[in-house]
C-alpha atoms as a PDB file:
ATOM      1  CA  MET A   1       0.001  -0.008  -0.022  1.00  0.00           C
ATOM      2  CA  LYS A   2       1.320   3.454  -0.923  1.00  0.00           C
ATOM      3  CA  ALA A   3       1.362   6.177   1.667  1.00  0.00           C
ATOM      4  CA  VAL A   4       0.508   9.815   1.037  1.00  0.00           C
ATOM      5  CA  LEU A   5       3.602  11.773   2.056  1.00  0.00           C
ATOM      6  CA  VAL A   6       3.668  15.251   3.613  1.00  0.00           C
ATOM      7  CA  ALA A   7       5.912  18.143   2.373  1.00  0.00           C
ATOM      8  CA  MET A   8       6.870  21.344   4.125  1.00  0.00           C
ATOM      9  CA  HIS A   9       6.569  24.573   2.179  1.00  0.00           C
ATOM     10  CA  LEU A  10       8.626  27.389   3.391  1.00  0.00           C
ATOM     11  CA  VAL A  11       8.697  31.007   2.129  1.00  0.00           C
ATOM     12  CA  ALA A  12      10.900  33.950   3.101  1.00  0.00           C
ATOM     13  CA  CYS A  13       9.295  37.381   2.680  1.00  0.00           C
ATOM     14  CA  GLN A  14      10.176  40.980   3.068  1.00  0.00           C
ATOM     15  CA  PRO A  15       8.702  42.532   6.221  1.00  0.00           C
ATOM     16  CA  ASP A  16       5.820  43.969   4.101  1.00  0.00           C
ATOM     17  CA  LEU A  17       5.107  40.501   2.716  1.00  0.00           C
ATOM     18  CA  LEU A  18       4.895  41.812  -0.782  1.00  0.00           C
ATOM     19  CA  ILE A  19       7.944  40.013  -2.173  1.00  0.00           C
ATOM     20  CA  CYS A  20       8.579  36.357  -1.142  1.00  0.00           C
ATOM     21  CA  LYS A  21      11.034  33.615  -2.155  1.00  0.00           C
ATOM     22  CA  ASP A  22      10.277  29.930  -2.053  1.00  0.00           C
ATOM     23  CA  MET A  23      12.559  28.107   0.457  1.00  0.00           C
ATOM     24  CA  SER A  24      10.804  24.740   0.521  1.00  0.00           C
ATOM     25  CA  VAL A  25      12.385  21.633   2.040  1.00  0.00           C
ATOM     26  CA  ASN A  26      12.524  19.444  -1.107  1.00  0.00           C
ATOM     27  CA  SER A  27      14.775  16.687   0.309  1.00  0.00           C
ATOM     28  CA  LYS A  28      12.582  15.713   3.301  1.00  0.00           C
ATOM     29  CA  ARG A  29       9.225  14.011   3.442  1.00  0.00           C
ATOM     30  CA  TRP A  30       7.122  13.052   6.539  1.00  0.00           C
ATOM     31  CA  THR A  31       4.514  10.382   6.945  1.00  0.00           C
ATOM     32  CA  ASP A  32       1.903  12.651   8.598  1.00  0.00           C
ATOM     33  CA  VAL A  33       1.202  16.301   9.097  1.00  0.00           C
ATOM     34  CA  GLU A  34       1.851  16.235  12.892  1.00  0.00           C
ATOM     35  CA  THR A  35       5.354  14.988  12.420  1.00  0.00           C
ATOM     36  CA  CYS A  36       5.974  17.666   9.845  1.00  0.00           C
ATOM     37  CA  ARG A  37       4.635  20.356  12.184  1.00  0.00           C
ATOM     38  CA  GLN A  38       6.993  19.154  14.905  1.00  0.00           C
ATOM     39  CA  ASP A  39      10.021  19.721  12.574  1.00  0.00           C
ATOM     40  CA  ARG A  40       8.781  23.156  11.573  1.00  0.00           C
ATOM     41  CA  ASP A  41      10.652  25.252  14.138  1.00  0.00           C
ATOM     42  CA  ALA A  42      13.960  23.449  13.324  1.00  0.00           C
ATOM     43  CA  GLU A  43      13.516  24.076   9.590  1.00  0.00           C
ATOM     44  CA  ILE A  44      12.605  27.732  10.041  1.00  0.00           C
ATOM     45  CA  PHE A  45      15.573  28.189  12.308  1.00  0.00           C
ATOM     46  CA  ARG A  46      17.833  26.609   9.683  1.00  0.00           C
ATOM     47  CA  VAL A  47      16.542  28.861   6.920  1.00  0.00           C
ATOM     48  CA  LYS A  48      16.689  32.037   9.015  1.00  0.00           C
ATOM     49  CA  GLN A  49      20.376  31.484   9.732  1.00  0.00           C
ATOM     50  CA  THR A  50      21.224  32.460   6.154  1.00  0.00           C
ATOM     51  CA  LEU A  51      18.877  35.433   5.903  1.00  0.00           C
ATOM     52  CA  PRO A  52      18.709  39.040   7.254  1.00  0.00           C
ATOM     53  CA  GLU A  53      16.943  39.400  10.651  1.00  0.00           C
ATOM     54  CA  THR A  54      14.123  41.506   9.029  1.00  0.00           C
ATOM     55  CA  VAL A  55      12.964  38.673   6.763  1.00  0.00           C
ATOM     56  CA  VAL A  56       9.735  36.849   7.774  1.00  0.00           C
ATOM     57  CA  VAL A  57       9.784  33.102   7.284  1.00  0.00           C
ATOM     58  CA  MET A  58       6.463  31.228   7.111  1.00  0.00           C
ATOM     59  CA  SER A  59       5.717  27.510   6.661  1.00  0.00           C
ATOM     60  CA  ARG A  60       2.986  25.032   5.964  1.00  0.00           C
ATOM     61  CA  CYS A  61       2.777  21.287   5.974  1.00  0.00           C
ATOM     62  CA  ARG A  62       0.756  19.881   3.120  1.00  0.00           C
ATOM     63  CA  TYR A  63      -0.007  16.545   1.580  1.00  0.00           C
ATOM     64  CA  LEU A  64       2.145  15.721  -1.404  1.00  0.00           C
ATOM     65  CA  ILE A  65      -0.438  14.631  -3.973  1.00  0.00           C
ATOM     66  CA  GLY A  66       0.511  14.636  -7.770  1.00  0.00           C
ATOM     67  CA  LYS A  67      -1.673  16.314 -10.319  1.00  0.00           C
ATOM     68  CA  ASP A  68      -3.798  14.171 -12.537  1.00  0.00           C
ATOM     69  CA  ARG A  69      -5.580  15.046 -15.836  1.00  0.00           C
ATOM     70  CA  ARG A  70      -8.617  16.272 -13.852  1.00  0.00           C
ATOM     71  CA  THR A  71      -6.641  18.856 -11.955  1.00  0.00           C
ATOM     72  CA  ALA A  72      -7.428  22.397 -13.130  1.00  0.00           C
ATOM     73  CA  PRO A  73      -4.529  24.719 -13.945  1.00  0.00           C
ATOM     74  CA  ALA A  74      -3.652  27.247 -11.116  1.00  0.00           C
ATOM     75  CA  PHE A  75      -3.147  30.011 -13.595  1.00  0.00           C
END
């Protein structure tokens, strides 16, 4: 049986939140959302070490489900 994996999406934004950059954790996957949320603080700390103090870093754990032919385009 295949498991649905969870990915963490991280973004780093300017203080006004108008310009953001994707900083997602592409190499790690979790088996459930709760485990991903427990690692959130560590991943945010890791990303913030390389950025200026004024940058706002936000994250979200989401299910990693591939698109199929029924998925509508986002844009």
